[in-house]
Amino acid sequence: MNAKAEAKDSRFDLIKWLAAAALVVVGVVGNQYFSAEPILYRVLVLLVIAAVAGFVALQTSKGQAFLVLAKEARVEIRKVVWPTRQETTQTTLIVVAVVLVMALLLWGLDSLLGWLISLIVG
């Protein structure tokens, strides 16, 4: 019985995915067809079509799994200890200083090797 229920869900999921894809195609073709209309109206219609297509896609089993993943990711982001402004500034300045020092060393090495090659070649 469980296999039949899963097959039924997957059949309806396929129909929902096809409906979402059809909405995307309608949006793309409609945007090109109505290219003479003001861009504001076209963008608003595309946003509405995208919202409806997203809603249809979220009704599928994979869409529900994505929604659960997004909610769990949001919970995990809240657990992260973000650096303070001072820590961020100090780290950025250290990275910039190291990059500048390495750039000067590589420039000096390149100039030295170029000078040595020019002496050898002539």
PDB file of N, CA and C in Angstrom:
ATOM      1  N   MET A   1       0.816  -1.194   0.000  1.00  0.00           N
ATOM      2  CA  MET A   1       0.000   0.000   0.000  1.00  0.00           C
ATOM      3  C   MET A   1       0.856   1.253   0.000  1.00  0.00           C
ATOM      4  N   ASN A   2       1.944   1.217   0.738  1.00  0.00           N
ATOM      5  CA  ASN A   2       2.792   2.384   0.849  1.00  0.00           C
ATOM      6  C   ASN A   2       3.406   2.739  -0.497  1.00  0.00           C
ATOM      7  N   ALA A   3       3.772   1.739  -1.286  1.00  0.00           N
ATOM      8  CA  ALA A   3       4.348   1.986  -2.609  1.00  0.00           C
ATOM      9  C   ALA A   3       3.332   2.662  -3.520  1.00  0.00           C
ATOM     10  N   LYS A   4       2.050   2.280  -3.385  1.00  0.00           N
ATOM     11  CA  LYS A   4       1.017   2.913  -4.199  1.00  0.00           C
ATOM     12  C   LYS A   4       0.843   4.379  -3.811  1.00  0.00           C
ATOM     13  N   ALA A   5       0.915   4.665  -2.531  1.00  0.00           N
ATOM     14  CA  ALA A   5       0.778   6.058  -2.079  1.00  0.00           C
ATOM     15  C   ALA A   5       1.945   6.891  -2.584  1.00  0.00           C
ATOM     16  N   GLU A   6       3.165   6.318  -2.545  1.00  0.00           N
ATOM     17  CA  GLU A   6       4.323   7.047  -3.044  1.00  0.00           C
ATOM     18  C   GLU A   6       4.232   7.246  -4.538  1.00  0.00           C
ATOM     19  N   ALA A   7       3.757   6.250  -5.273  1.00  0.00           N
ATOM     20  CA  ALA A   7       3.599   6.385  -6.716  1.00  0.00           C
ATOM     21  C   ALA A   7       2.567   7.447  -7.041  1.00  0.00           C
ATOM     22  N   LYS A   8       1.490   7.493  -6.262  1.00  0.00           N
ATOM     23  CA  LYS A   8       0.458   8.499  -6.484  1.00  0.00           C
ATOM     24  C   LYS A   8       1.013   9.902  -6.249  1.00  0.00           C
ATOM     25  N   ASP A   9       1.799  10.062  -5.184  1.00  0.00           N
ATOM     26  CA  ASP A   9       2.420  11.346  -4.903  1.00  0.00           C
ATOM     27  C   ASP A   9       3.372  11.752  -6.019  1.00  0.00           C
ATOM     28  N   SER A  10       4.161  10.799  -6.500  1.00  0.00           N
ATOM     29  CA  SER A  10       5.124  11.134  -7.541  1.00  0.00           C
ATOM     30  C   SER A  10       4.420  11.503  -8.842  1.00  0.00           C
ATOM     31  N   ARG A  11       3.274  10.887  -9.127  1.00  0.00           N
ATOM     32  CA  ARG A  11       2.516  11.239 -10.321  1.00  0.00           C
ATOM     33  C   ARG A  11       2.002  12.670 -10.219  1.00  0.00           C
ATOM     34  N   PHE A  12       1.448  13.018  -9.064  1.00  0.00           N
ATOM     35  CA  PHE A  12       0.969  14.379  -8.882  1.00  0.00           C
ATOM     36  C   PHE A  12       2.133  15.370  -8.829  1.00  0.00           C
ATOM     37  N   ASP A  13       3.256  14.926  -8.282  1.00  0.00           N
ATOM     38  CA  ASP A  13       4.434  15.785  -8.259  1.00  0.00           C
ATOM     39  C   ASP A  13       4.882  16.111  -9.674  1.00  0.00           C
ATOM     40  N   LEU A  14       4.851  15.128 -10.551  1.00  0.00           N
ATOM     41  CA  LEU A  14       5.234  15.369 -11.941  1.00  0.00           C
ATOM     42  C   LEU A  14       4.312  16.402 -12.574  1.00  0.00           C
ATOM     43  N   ILE A  15       3.032  16.291 -12.313  1.00  0.00           N
ATOM     44  CA  ILE A  15       2.074  17.260 -12.866  1.00  0.00           C
ATOM     45  C   ILE A  15       2.357  18.651 -12.308  1.00  0.00           C
ATOM     46  N   LYS A  16       2.668  18.735 -11.028  1.00  0.00           N
ATOM     47  CA  LYS A  16       2.964  20.032 -10.407  1.00  0.00           C
ATOM     48  C   LYS A  16       4.246  20.630 -10.983  1.00  0.00           C
ATOM     49  N   TRP A  17       5.272  19.786 -11.189  1.00  0.00           N
ATOM     50  CA  TRP A  17       6.523  20.291 -11.771  1.00  0.00           C
ATOM     51  C   TRP A  17       6.294  20.760 -13.202  1.00  0.00           C
ATOM     52  N   LEU A  18       5.476  20.021 -13.951  1.00  0.00           N
ATOM     53  CA  LEU A  18       5.160  20.457 -15.313  1.00  0.00           C
ATOM     54  C   LEU A  18       4.399  21.774 -15.314  1.00  0.00           C
ATOM     55  N   ALA A  19       3.495  21.955 -14.351  1.00  0.00           N
ATOM     56  CA  ALA A  19       2.759  23.221 -14.245  1.00  0.00           C
ATOM     57  C   ALA A  19       3.712  24.366 -13.909  1.00  0.00           C
ATOM     58  N   ALA A  20       4.651  24.131 -13.003  1.00  0.00           N
ATOM     59  CA  ALA A  20       5.625  25.169 -12.653  1.00  0.00           C
ATOM     60  C   ALA A  20       6.502  25.512 -13.852  1.00  0.00           C
ATOM     61  N   ALA A  21       6.931  24.498 -14.586  1.00  0.00           N
ATOM     62  CA  ALA A  21       7.745  24.741 -15.783  1.00  0.00           C
ATOM     63  C   ALA A  21       6.942  25.487 -16.845  1.00  0.00           C
ATOM     64  N   ALA A  22       5.668  25.124 -16.994  1.00  0.00           N
ATOM     65  CA  ALA A  22       4.817  25.818 -17.967  1.00  0.00           C
ATOM     66  C   ALA A  22       4.657  27.282 -17.585  1.00  0.00           C
ATOM     67  N   LEU A  23       4.532  27.571 -16.295  1.00  0.00           N
ATOM     68  CA  LEU A  23       4.433  28.962 -15.863  1.00  0.00           C
ATOM     69  C   LEU A  23       5.706  29.740 -16.187  1.00  0.00           C
ATOM     70  N   VAL A  24       6.848  29.106 -16.010  1.00  0.00           N
ATOM     71  CA  VAL A  24       8.113  29.765 -16.340  1.00  0.00           C
ATOM     72  C   VAL A  24       8.187  30.040 -17.836  1.00  0.00           C
ATOM     73  N   VAL A  25       7.789  29.066 -18.632  1.00  0.00           N
ATOM     74  CA  VAL A  25       7.801  29.251 -20.092  1.00  0.00           C
ATOM     75  C   VAL A  25       6.845  30.372 -20.493  1.00  0.00           C
ATOM     76  N   VAL A  26       5.656  30.400 -19.890  1.00  0.00           N
ATOM     77  CA  VAL A  26       4.693  31.472 -20.181  1.00  0.00           C
ATOM     78  C   VAL A  26       5.286  32.827 -19.814  1.00  0.00           C
ATOM     79  N   GLY A  27       5.987  32.894 -18.713  1.00  0.00           N
ATOM     80  CA  GLY A  27       6.616  34.146 -18.309  1.00  0.00           C
ATOM     81  C   GLY A  27       7.673  34.609 -19.289  1.00  0.00           C
ATOM     82  N   VAL A  28       8.520  33.698 -19.732  1.00  0.00           N
ATOM     83  CA  VAL A  28       9.586  34.054 -20.675  1.00  0.00           C
ATOM     84  C   VAL A  28       9.005  34.475 -22.018  1.00  0.00           C
ATOM     85  N   VAL A  29       8.080  33.670 -22.545  1.00  0.00           N
ATOM     86  CA  VAL A  29       7.487  33.982 -23.847  1.00  0.00           C
ATOM     87  C   VAL A  29       6.657  35.258 -23.758  1.00  0.00           C
ATOM     88  N   GLY A  30       5.888  35.404 -22.686  1.00  0.00           N
ATOM     89  CA  GLY A  30       5.081  36.603 -22.518  1.00  0.00           C
ATOM     90  C   GLY A  30       5.924  37.851 -22.386  1.00  0.00           C
ATOM     91  N   ASN A  31       7.056  37.757 -21.706  1.00  0.00           N
ATOM     92  CA  ASN A  31       7.946  38.905 -21.581  1.00  0.00           C
ATOM     93  C   ASN A  31       8.487  39.328 -22.940  1.00  0.00           C
ATOM     94  N   GLN A  32       8.804  38.359 -23.765  1.00  0.00           N
ATOM     95  CA  GLN A  32       9.304  38.690 -25.099  1.00  0.00           C
ATOM     96  C   GLN A  32       8.178  39.212 -25.987  1.00  0.00           C
ATOM     97  N   TYR A  33       6.995  38.625 -25.873  1.00  0.00           N
ATOM     98  CA  TYR A  33       5.866  39.029 -26.714  1.00  0.00           C
ATOM     99  C   TYR A  33       5.419  40.451 -26.389  1.00  0.00           C
ATOM    100  N   PHE A  34       5.418  40.789 -25.115  1.00  0.00           N
ATOM    101  CA  PHE A  34       4.989  42.115 -24.697  1.00  0.00           C
ATOM    102  C   PHE A  34       6.177  43.052 -24.468  1.00  0.00           C
ATOM    103  N   SER A  35       7.202  42.946 -25.287  1.00  0.00           N
ATOM    104  CA  SER A  35       8.410  43.750 -25.105  1.00  0.00           C
ATOM    105  C   SER A  35       8.158  45.239 -25.320  1.00  0.00           C
ATOM    106  N   ALA A  36       7.071  45.610 -25.989  1.00  0.00           N
ATOM    107  CA  ALA A  36       6.765  47.019 -26.208  1.00  0.00           C
ATOM    108  C   ALA A  36       6.125  47.665 -24.978  1.00  0.00           C
ATOM    109  N   GLU A  37       5.646  46.858 -24.062  1.00  0.00           N
ATOM    110  CA  GLU A  37       5.010  47.392 -22.846  1.00  0.00           C
ATOM    111  C   GLU A  37       6.083  47.929 -21.896  1.00  0.00           C
ATOM    112  N   PRO A  38       5.689  48.821 -20.985  1.00  0.00           N
ATOM    113  CA  PRO A  38       6.673  49.351 -20.015  1.00  0.00           C
ATOM    114  C   PRO A  38       7.277  48.230 -19.167  1.00  0.00           C
ATOM    115  N   ILE A  39       8.542  48.392 -18.861  1.00  0.00           N
ATOM    116  CA  ILE A  39       9.267  47.345 -18.144  1.00  0.00           C
ATOM    117  C   ILE A  39       8.701  47.111 -16.736  1.00  0.00           C
ATOM    118  N   LEU A  40       8.168  48.145 -16.113  1.00  0.00           N
ATOM    119  CA  LEU A  40       7.603  47.989 -14.775  1.00  0.00           C
ATOM    120  C   LEU A  40       6.478  46.967 -14.773  1.00  0.00           C
ATOM    121  N   TYR A  41       5.579  47.049 -15.749  1.00  0.00           N
ATOM    122  CA  TYR A  41       4.460  46.112 -15.815  1.00  0.00           C
ATOM    123  C   TYR A  41       4.952  44.693 -16.088  1.00  0.00           C
ATOM    124  N   ARG A  42       5.935  44.571 -16.968  1.00  0.00           N
ATOM    125  CA  ARG A  42       6.463  43.246 -17.290  1.00  0.00           C
ATOM    126  C   ARG A  42       7.148  42.622 -16.073  1.00  0.00           C
ATOM    127  N   VAL A  43       7.894  43.427 -15.321  1.00  0.00           N
ATOM    128  CA  VAL A  43       8.574  42.908 -14.140  1.00  0.00           C
ATOM    129  C   VAL A  43       7.554  42.484 -13.083  1.00  0.00           C
ATOM    130  N   LEU A  44       6.521  43.299 -12.893  1.00  0.00           N
ATOM    131  CA  LEU A  44       5.495  42.938 -11.908  1.00  0.00           C
ATOM    132  C   LEU A  44       4.799  41.632 -12.281  1.00  0.00           C
ATOM    133  N   VAL A  45       4.469  41.473 -13.559  1.00  0.00           N
ATOM    134  CA  VAL A  45       3.819  40.235 -14.006  1.00  0.00           C
ATOM    135  C   VAL A  45       4.768  39.051 -13.845  1.00  0.00           C
ATOM    136  N   LEU A  46       6.041  39.247 -14.176  1.00  0.00           N
ATOM    137  CA  LEU A  46       7.016  38.160 -14.012  1.00  0.00           C
ATOM    138  C   LEU A  46       7.174  37.780 -12.538  1.00  0.00           C
ATOM    139  N   LEU A  47       7.156  38.752 -11.644  1.00  0.00           N
ATOM    140  CA  LEU A  47       7.247  38.442 -10.221  1.00  0.00           C
ATOM    141  C   LEU A  47       6.041  37.639  -9.738  1.00  0.00           C
ATOM    142  N   VAL A  48       4.861  38.004 -10.239  1.00  0.00           N
ATOM    143  CA  VAL A  48       3.648  37.261  -9.857  1.00  0.00           C
ATOM    144  C   VAL A  48       3.718  35.835 -10.394  1.00  0.00           C
ATOM    145  N   ILE A  49       4.128  35.697 -11.652  1.00  0.00           N
ATOM    146  CA  ILE A  49       4.233  34.357 -12.254  1.00  0.00           C
ATOM    147  C   ILE A  49       5.284  33.525 -11.516  1.00  0.00           C
ATOM    148  N   ALA A  50       6.409  34.150 -11.149  1.00  0.00           N
ATOM    149  CA  ALA A  50       7.451  33.431 -10.413  1.00  0.00           C
ATOM    150  C   ALA A  50       6.944  33.000  -9.040  1.00  0.00           C
ATOM    151  N   ALA A  51       6.169  33.859  -8.387  1.00  0.00           N
ATOM    152  CA  ALA A  51       5.627  33.502  -7.076  1.00  0.00           C
ATOM    153  C   ALA A  51       4.655  32.330  -7.184  1.00  0.00           C
ATOM    154  N   VAL A  52       3.813  32.351  -8.216  1.00  0.00           N
ATOM    155  CA  VAL A  52       2.861  31.247  -8.403  1.00  0.00           C
ATOM    156  C   VAL A  52       3.612  29.957  -8.742  1.00  0.00           C
ATOM    157  N   ALA A  53       4.622  30.045  -9.618  1.00  0.00           N
ATOM    158  CA  ALA A  53       5.407  28.859  -9.980  1.00  0.00           C
ATOM    159  C   ALA A  53       6.143  28.316  -8.752  1.00  0.00           C
ATOM    160  N   GLY A  54       6.691  29.207  -7.922  1.00  0.00           N
ATOM    161  CA  GLY A  54       7.353  28.770  -6.699  1.00  0.00           C
ATOM    162  C   GLY A  54       6.387  28.114  -5.734  1.00  0.00           C
ATOM    163  N   PHE A  55       5.179  28.676  -5.617  1.00  0.00           N
ATOM    164  CA  PHE A  55       4.168  28.091  -4.743  1.00  0.00           C
ATOM    165  C   PHE A  55       3.793  26.692  -5.220  1.00  0.00           C
ATOM    166  N   VAL A  56       3.623  26.534  -6.536  1.00  0.00           N
ATOM    167  CA  VAL A  56       3.286  25.218  -7.085  1.00  0.00           C
ATOM    168  C   VAL A  56       4.433  24.237  -6.839  1.00  0.00           C
ATOM    169  N   ALA A  57       5.670  24.692  -7.039  1.00  0.00           N
ATOM    170  CA  ALA A  57       6.822  23.810  -6.840  1.00  0.00           C
ATOM    171  C   ALA A  57       6.966  23.411  -5.370  1.00  0.00           C
ATOM    172  N   LEU A  58       6.616  24.311  -4.454  1.00  0.00           N
ATOM    173  CA  LEU A  58       6.718  23.984  -3.028  1.00  0.00           C
ATOM    174  C   LEU A  58       5.663  22.987  -2.579  1.00  0.00           C
ATOM    175  N   GLN A  59       4.667  22.733  -3.391  1.00  0.00           N
ATOM    176  CA  GLN A  59       3.637  21.761  -3.039  1.00  0.00           C
ATOM    177  C   GLN A  59       4.081  20.330  -3.323  1.00  0.00           C
ATOM    178  N   THR A  60       5.210  20.157  -4.001  1.00  0.00           N
ATOM    179  CA  THR A  60       5.713  18.818  -4.292  1.00  0.00           C
ATOM    180  C   THR A  60       6.499  18.288  -3.094  1.00  0.00           C
ATOM    181  N   SER A  61       6.835  17.012  -3.130  1.00  0.00           N
ATOM    182  CA  SER A  61       7.587  16.429  -2.013  1.00  0.00           C
ATOM    183  C   SER A  61       8.996  17.015  -1.935  1.00  0.00           C
ATOM    184  N   LYS A  62       9.638  17.231  -3.091  1.00  0.00           N
ATOM    185  CA  LYS A  62      10.967  17.844  -3.086  1.00  0.00           C
ATOM    186  C   LYS A  62      10.895  19.304  -2.664  1.00  0.00           C
ATOM    187  N   GLY A  63       9.817  19.976  -3.023  1.00  0.00           N
ATOM    188  CA  GLY A  63       9.632  21.353  -2.588  1.00  0.00           C
ATOM    189  C   GLY A  63       9.466  21.444  -1.083  1.00  0.00           C
ATOM    190  N   GLN A  64       8.735  20.502  -0.497  1.00  0.00           N
ATOM    191  CA  GLN A  64       8.574  20.471   0.958  1.00  0.00           C
ATOM    192  C   GLN A  64       9.907  20.175   1.640  1.00  0.00           C
ATOM    193  N   ALA A  65      10.694  19.280   1.048  1.00  0.00           N
ATOM    194  CA  ALA A  65      12.014  18.973   1.608  1.00  0.00           C
ATOM    195  C   ALA A  65      12.916  20.207   1.545  1.00  0.00           C
ATOM    196  N   PHE A  66      12.820  20.967   0.471  1.00  0.00           N
ATOM    197  CA  PHE A  66      13.601  22.201   0.346  1.00  0.00           C
ATOM    198  C   PHE A  66      13.187  23.205   1.407  1.00  0.00           C
ATOM    199  N   LEU A  67      11.896  23.318   1.649  1.00  0.00           N
ATOM    200  CA  LEU A  67      11.390  24.242   2.660  1.00  0.00           C
ATOM    201  C   LEU A  67      11.899  23.851   4.053  1.00  0.00           C
ATOM    202  N   VAL A  68      11.908  22.568   4.359  1.00  0.00           N
ATOM    203  CA  VAL A  68      12.428  22.095   5.646  1.00  0.00           C
ATOM    204  C   VAL A  68      13.921  22.411   5.747  1.00  0.00           C
ATOM    205  N   LEU A  69      14.668  22.188   4.666  1.00  0.00           N
ATOM    206  CA  LEU A  69      16.097  22.481   4.654  1.00  0.00           C
ATOM    207  C   LEU A  69      16.343  23.971   4.885  1.00  0.00           C
ATOM    208  N   ALA A  70      15.560  24.832   4.251  1.00  0.00           N
ATOM    209  CA  ALA A  70      15.723  26.276   4.417  1.00  0.00           C
ATOM    210  C   ALA A  70      15.443  26.696   5.861  1.00  0.00           C
ATOM    211  N   LYS A  71      14.420  26.120   6.467  1.00  0.00           N
ATOM    212  CA  LYS A  71      14.100  26.452   7.865  1.00  0.00           C
ATOM    213  C   LYS A  71      15.217  25.988   8.803  1.00  0.00           C
ATOM    214  N   GLU A  72      15.755  24.786   8.570  1.00  0.00           N
ATOM    215  CA  GLU A  72      16.843  24.280   9.399  1.00  0.00           C
ATOM    216  C   GLU A  72      18.106  25.119   9.221  1.00  0.00           C
ATOM    217  N   ALA A  73      18.360  25.576   7.997  1.00  0.00           N
ATOM    218  CA  ALA A  73      19.531  26.421   7.746  1.00  0.00           C
ATOM    219  C   ALA A  73      19.396  27.747   8.483  1.00  0.00           C
ATOM    220  N   ARG A  74      18.187  28.275   8.518  1.00  0.00           N
ATOM    221  CA  ARG A  74      17.955  29.535   9.232  1.00  0.00           C
ATOM    222  C   ARG A  74      18.216  29.365  10.730  1.00  0.00           C
ATOM    223  N   VAL A  75      17.804  28.239  11.272  1.00  0.00           N
ATOM    224  CA  VAL A  75      18.061  27.966  12.697  1.00  0.00           C
ATOM    225  C   VAL A  75      19.559  27.871  12.947  1.00  0.00           C
ATOM    226  N   GLU A  76      20.282  27.198  12.053  1.00  0.00           N
ATOM    227  CA  GLU A  76      21.727  27.045  12.231  1.00  0.00           C
ATOM    228  C   GLU A  76      22.450  28.380  12.106  1.00  0.00           C
ATOM    229  N   ILE A  77      21.989  29.256  11.209  1.00  0.00           N
ATOM    230  CA  ILE A  77      22.628  30.567  11.050  1.00  0.00           C
ATOM    231  C   ILE A  77      22.489  31.379  12.337  1.00  0.00           C
ATOM    232  N   ARG A  78      21.375  31.214  13.026  1.00  0.00           N
ATOM    233  CA  ARG A  78      21.191  31.941  14.289  1.00  0.00           C
ATOM    234  C   ARG A  78      22.162  31.460  15.362  1.00  0.00           C
ATOM    235  N   LYS A  79      22.688  30.250  15.232  1.00  0.00           N
ATOM    236  CA  LYS A  79      23.619  29.708  16.217  1.00  0.00           C
ATOM    237  C   LYS A  79      25.059  30.191  15.988  1.00  0.00           C
ATOM    238  N   VAL A  80      25.335  30.766  14.836  1.00  0.00           N
ATOM    239  CA  VAL A  80      26.693  31.188  14.494  1.00  0.00           C
ATOM    240  C   VAL A  80      27.076  32.400  15.338  1.00  0.00           C
ATOM    241  N   VAL A  81      28.316  32.397  15.838  1.00  0.00           N
ATOM    242  CA  VAL A  81      28.840  33.546  16.567  1.00  0.00           C
ATOM    243  C   VAL A  81      29.567  34.416  15.544  1.00  0.00           C
ATOM    244  N   TRP A  82      28.960  35.543  15.205  1.00  0.00           N
ATOM    245  CA  TRP A  82      29.528  36.428  14.193  1.00  0.00           C
ATOM    246  C   TRP A  82      30.595  37.317  14.824  1.00  0.00           C
ATOM    247  N   PRO A  83      31.648  37.654  14.070  1.00  0.00           N
ATOM    248  CA  PRO A  83      32.703  38.516  14.629  1.00  0.00           C
ATOM    249  C   PRO A  83      32.185  39.942  14.838  1.00  0.00           C
ATOM    250  N   THR A  84      32.830  40.635  15.771  1.00  0.00           N
ATOM    251  CA  THR A  84      32.461  42.029  16.012  1.00  0.00           C
ATOM    252  C   THR A  84      33.028  42.895  14.890  1.00  0.00           C
ATOM    253  N   ARG A  85      32.606  44.141  14.885  1.00  0.00           N
ATOM    254  CA  ARG A  85      33.095  45.066  13.862  1.00  0.00           C
ATOM    255  C   ARG A  85      34.604  45.262  13.991  1.00  0.00           C
ATOM    256  N   GLN A  86      35.084  45.345  15.219  1.00  0.00           N
ATOM    257  CA  GLN A  86      36.517  45.532  15.449  1.00  0.00           C
ATOM    258  C   GLN A  86      37.311  44.321  14.945  1.00  0.00           C
ATOM    259  N   GLU A  87      36.847  43.117  15.238  1.00  0.00           N
ATOM    260  CA  GLU A  87      37.531  41.911  14.752  1.00  0.00           C
ATOM    261  C   GLU A  87      37.551  41.855  13.232  1.00  0.00           C
ATOM    262  N   THR A  88      36.441  42.221  12.619  1.00  0.00           N
ATOM    263  CA  THR A  88      36.372  42.211  11.160  1.00  0.00           C
ATOM    264  C   THR A  88      37.345  43.220  10.560  1.00  0.00           C
ATOM    265  N   THR A  89      37.393  44.417  11.145  1.00  0.00           N
ATOM    266  CA  THR A  89      38.300  45.452  10.644  1.00  0.00           C
ATOM    267  C   THR A  89      39.752  45.028  10.796  1.00  0.00           C
ATOM    268  N   GLN A  90      40.109  44.485  11.959  1.00  0.00           N
ATOM    269  CA  GLN A  90      41.490  44.052  12.189  1.00  0.00           C
ATOM    270  C   GLN A  90      41.894  42.939  11.228  1.00  0.00           C
ATOM    271  N   THR A  91      41.015  41.987  11.037  1.00  0.00           N
ATOM    272  CA  THR A  91      41.317  40.879  10.128  1.00  0.00           C
ATOM    273  C   THR A  91      41.481  41.383   8.699  1.00  0.00           C
ATOM    274  N   THR A  92      40.621  42.304   8.291  1.00  0.00           N
ATOM    275  CA  THR A  92      40.713  42.867   6.944  1.00  0.00           C
ATOM    276  C   THR A  92      42.028  43.606   6.757  1.00  0.00           C
ATOM    277  N   LEU A  93      42.425  44.389   7.741  1.00  0.00           N
ATOM    278  CA  LEU A  93      43.681  45.130   7.633  1.00  0.00           C
ATOM    279  C   LEU A  93      44.880  44.185   7.578  1.00  0.00           C
ATOM    280  N   ILE A  94      44.838  43.095   8.335  1.00  0.00           N
ATOM    281  CA  ILE A  94      45.924  42.114   8.284  1.00  0.00           C
ATOM    282  C   ILE A  94      46.005  41.486   6.901  1.00  0.00           C
ATOM    283  N   VAL A  95      44.878  41.136   6.338  1.00  0.00           N
ATOM    284  CA  VAL A  95      44.860  40.528   5.000  1.00  0.00           C
ATOM    285  C   VAL A  95      45.397  41.509   3.962  1.00  0.00           C
ATOM    286  N   VAL A  96      44.991  42.775   4.035  1.00  0.00           N
ATOM    287  CA  VAL A  96      45.473  43.778   3.084  1.00  0.00           C
ATOM    288  C   VAL A  96      46.981  43.952   3.228  1.00  0.00           C
ATOM    289  N   ALA A  97      47.487  43.996   4.456  1.00  0.00           N
ATOM    290  CA  ALA A  97      48.931  44.157   4.671  1.00  0.00           C
ATOM    291  C   ALA A  97      49.704  42.974   4.108  1.00  0.00           C
ATOM    292  N   VAL A  98      49.235  41.762   4.353  1.00  0.00           N
ATOM    293  CA  VAL A  98      49.921  40.578   3.836  1.00  0.00           C
ATOM    294  C   VAL A  98      49.905  40.567   2.308  1.00  0.00           C
ATOM    295  N   VAL A  99      48.796  40.956   1.714  1.00  0.00           N
ATOM    296  CA  VAL A  99      48.710  40.999   0.250  1.00  0.00           C
ATOM    297  C   VAL A  99      49.686  42.026  -0.302  1.00  0.00           C
ATOM    298  N   LEU A 100      49.776  43.195   0.324  1.00  0.00           N
ATOM    299  CA  LEU A 100      50.719  44.210  -0.149  1.00  0.00           C
ATOM    300  C   LEU A 100      52.166  43.747  -0.028  1.00  0.00           C
ATOM    301  N   VAL A 101      52.517  43.127   1.107  1.00  0.00           N
ATOM    302  CA  VAL A 101      53.880  42.632   1.294  1.00  0.00           C
ATOM    303  C   VAL A 101      54.207  41.561   0.248  1.00  0.00           C
ATOM    304  N   MET A 102      53.278  40.637   0.023  1.00  0.00           N
ATOM    305  CA  MET A 102      53.514  39.597  -0.980  1.00  0.00           C
ATOM    306  C   MET A 102      53.621  40.187  -2.385  1.00  0.00           C
ATOM    307  N   ALA A 103      52.811  41.195  -2.675  1.00  0.00           N
ATOM    308  CA  ALA A 103      52.888  41.842  -3.990  1.00  0.00           C
ATOM    309  C   ALA A 103      54.247  42.497  -4.188  1.00  0.00           C
ATOM    310  N   LEU A 104      54.751  43.173  -3.155  1.00  0.00           N
ATOM    311  CA  LEU A 104      56.067  43.804  -3.268  1.00  0.00           C
ATOM    312  C   LEU A 104      57.169  42.755  -3.415  1.00  0.00           C
ATOM    313  N   LEU A 105      57.091  41.656  -2.659  1.00  0.00           N
ATOM    314  CA  LEU A 105      58.096  40.596  -2.789  1.00  0.00           C
ATOM    315  C   LEU A 105      58.082  39.973  -4.186  1.00  0.00           C
ATOM    316  N   LEU A 106      56.890  39.694  -4.692  1.00  0.00           N
ATOM    317  CA  LEU A 106      56.805  39.101  -6.030  1.00  0.00           C
ATOM    318  C   LEU A 106      57.260  40.083  -7.106  1.00  0.00           C
ATOM    319  N   TRP A 107      56.954  41.370  -6.943  1.00  0.00           N
ATOM    320  CA  TRP A 107      57.411  42.371  -7.898  1.00  0.00           C
ATOM    321  C   TRP A 107      58.942  42.459  -7.883  1.00  0.00           C
ATOM    322  N   GLY A 108      59.511  42.446  -6.670  1.00  0.00           N
ATOM    323  CA  GLY A 108      60.967  42.495  -6.560  1.00  0.00           C
ATOM    324  C   GLY A 108      61.614  41.261  -7.175  1.00  0.00           C
ATOM    325  N   LEU A 109      61.060  40.085  -6.908  1.00  0.00           N
ATOM    326  CA  LEU A 109      61.598  38.850  -7.481  1.00  0.00           C
ATOM    327  C   LEU A 109      61.474  38.852  -9.002  1.00  0.00           C
ATOM    328  N   ASP A 110      60.345  39.326  -9.501  1.00  0.00           N
ATOM    329  CA  ASP A 110      60.144  39.404 -10.950  1.00  0.00           C
ATOM    330  C   ASP A 110      61.141  40.368 -11.584  1.00  0.00           C
ATOM    331  N   SER A 111      61.364  41.505 -10.950  1.00  0.00           N
ATOM    332  CA  SER A 111      62.326  42.478 -11.482  1.00  0.00           C
ATOM    333  C   SER A 111      63.734  41.908 -11.469  1.00  0.00           C
ATOM    334  N   LEU A 112      64.110  41.238 -10.387  1.00  0.00           N
ATOM    335  CA  LEU A 112      65.442  40.641 -10.279  1.00  0.00           C
ATOM    336  C   LEU A 112      65.639  39.570 -11.350  1.00  0.00           C
ATOM    337  N   LEU A 113      64.665  38.666 -11.498  1.00  0.00           N
ATOM    338  CA  LEU A 113      64.787  37.613 -12.509  1.00  0.00           C
ATOM    339  C   LEU A 113      64.782  38.203 -13.916  1.00  0.00           C
ATOM    340  N   GLY A 114      63.990  39.223 -14.149  1.00  0.00           N
ATOM    341  CA  GLY A 114      64.000  39.886 -15.457  1.00  0.00           C
ATOM    342  C   GLY A 114      65.336  40.530 -15.757  1.00  0.00           C
ATOM    343  N   TRP A 115      65.953  41.131 -14.742  1.00  0.00           N
ATOM    344  CA  TRP A 115      67.263  41.768 -14.921  1.00  0.00           C
ATOM    345  C   TRP A 115      68.327  40.701 -15.196  1.00  0.00           C
ATOM    346  N   LEU A 116      68.267  39.565 -14.444  1.00  0.00           N
ATOM    347  CA  LEU A 116      69.234  38.487 -14.670  1.00  0.00           C
ATOM    348  C   LEU A 116      69.080  37.876 -16.059  1.00  0.00           C
ATOM    349  N   ILE A 117      67.874  37.693 -16.502  1.00  0.00           N
ATOM    350  CA  ILE A 117      67.632  37.120 -17.848  1.00  0.00           C
ATOM    351  C   ILE A 117      68.129  38.086 -18.917  1.00  0.00           C
ATOM    352  N   SER A 118      67.912  39.370 -18.713  1.00  0.00           N
ATOM    353  CA  SER A 118      68.375  40.331 -19.722  1.00  0.00           C
ATOM    354  C   SER A 118      69.903  40.374 -19.776  1.00  0.00           C
ATOM    355  N   LEU A 119      70.587  40.134 -18.648  1.00  0.00           N
ATOM    356  CA  LEU A 119      72.041  40.059 -18.664  1.00  0.00           C
ATOM    357  C   LEU A 119      72.526  38.819 -19.419  1.00  0.00           C
ATOM    358  N   ILE A 120      71.814  37.693 -19.229  1.00  0.00           N
ATOM    359  CA  ILE A 120      72.216  36.445 -19.869  1.00  0.00           C
ATOM    360  C   ILE A 120      71.929  36.505 -21.367  1.00  0.00           C
ATOM    361  N   VAL A 121      70.746  36.990 -21.736  1.00  0.00           N
ATOM    362  CA  VAL A 121      70.345  37.003 -23.150  1.00  0.00           C
ATOM    363  C   VAL A 121      71.106  38.072 -23.901  1.00  0.00           C
ATOM    364  N   GLY A 122      71.345  39.161 -23.303  1.00  0.00           N
ATOM    365  CA  GLY A 122      72.175  40.116 -24.005  1.00  0.00           C
ATOM    366  C   GLY A 122      71.677  41.474 -23.997  1.00  0.00           C
TER     367      GLY A 122
END
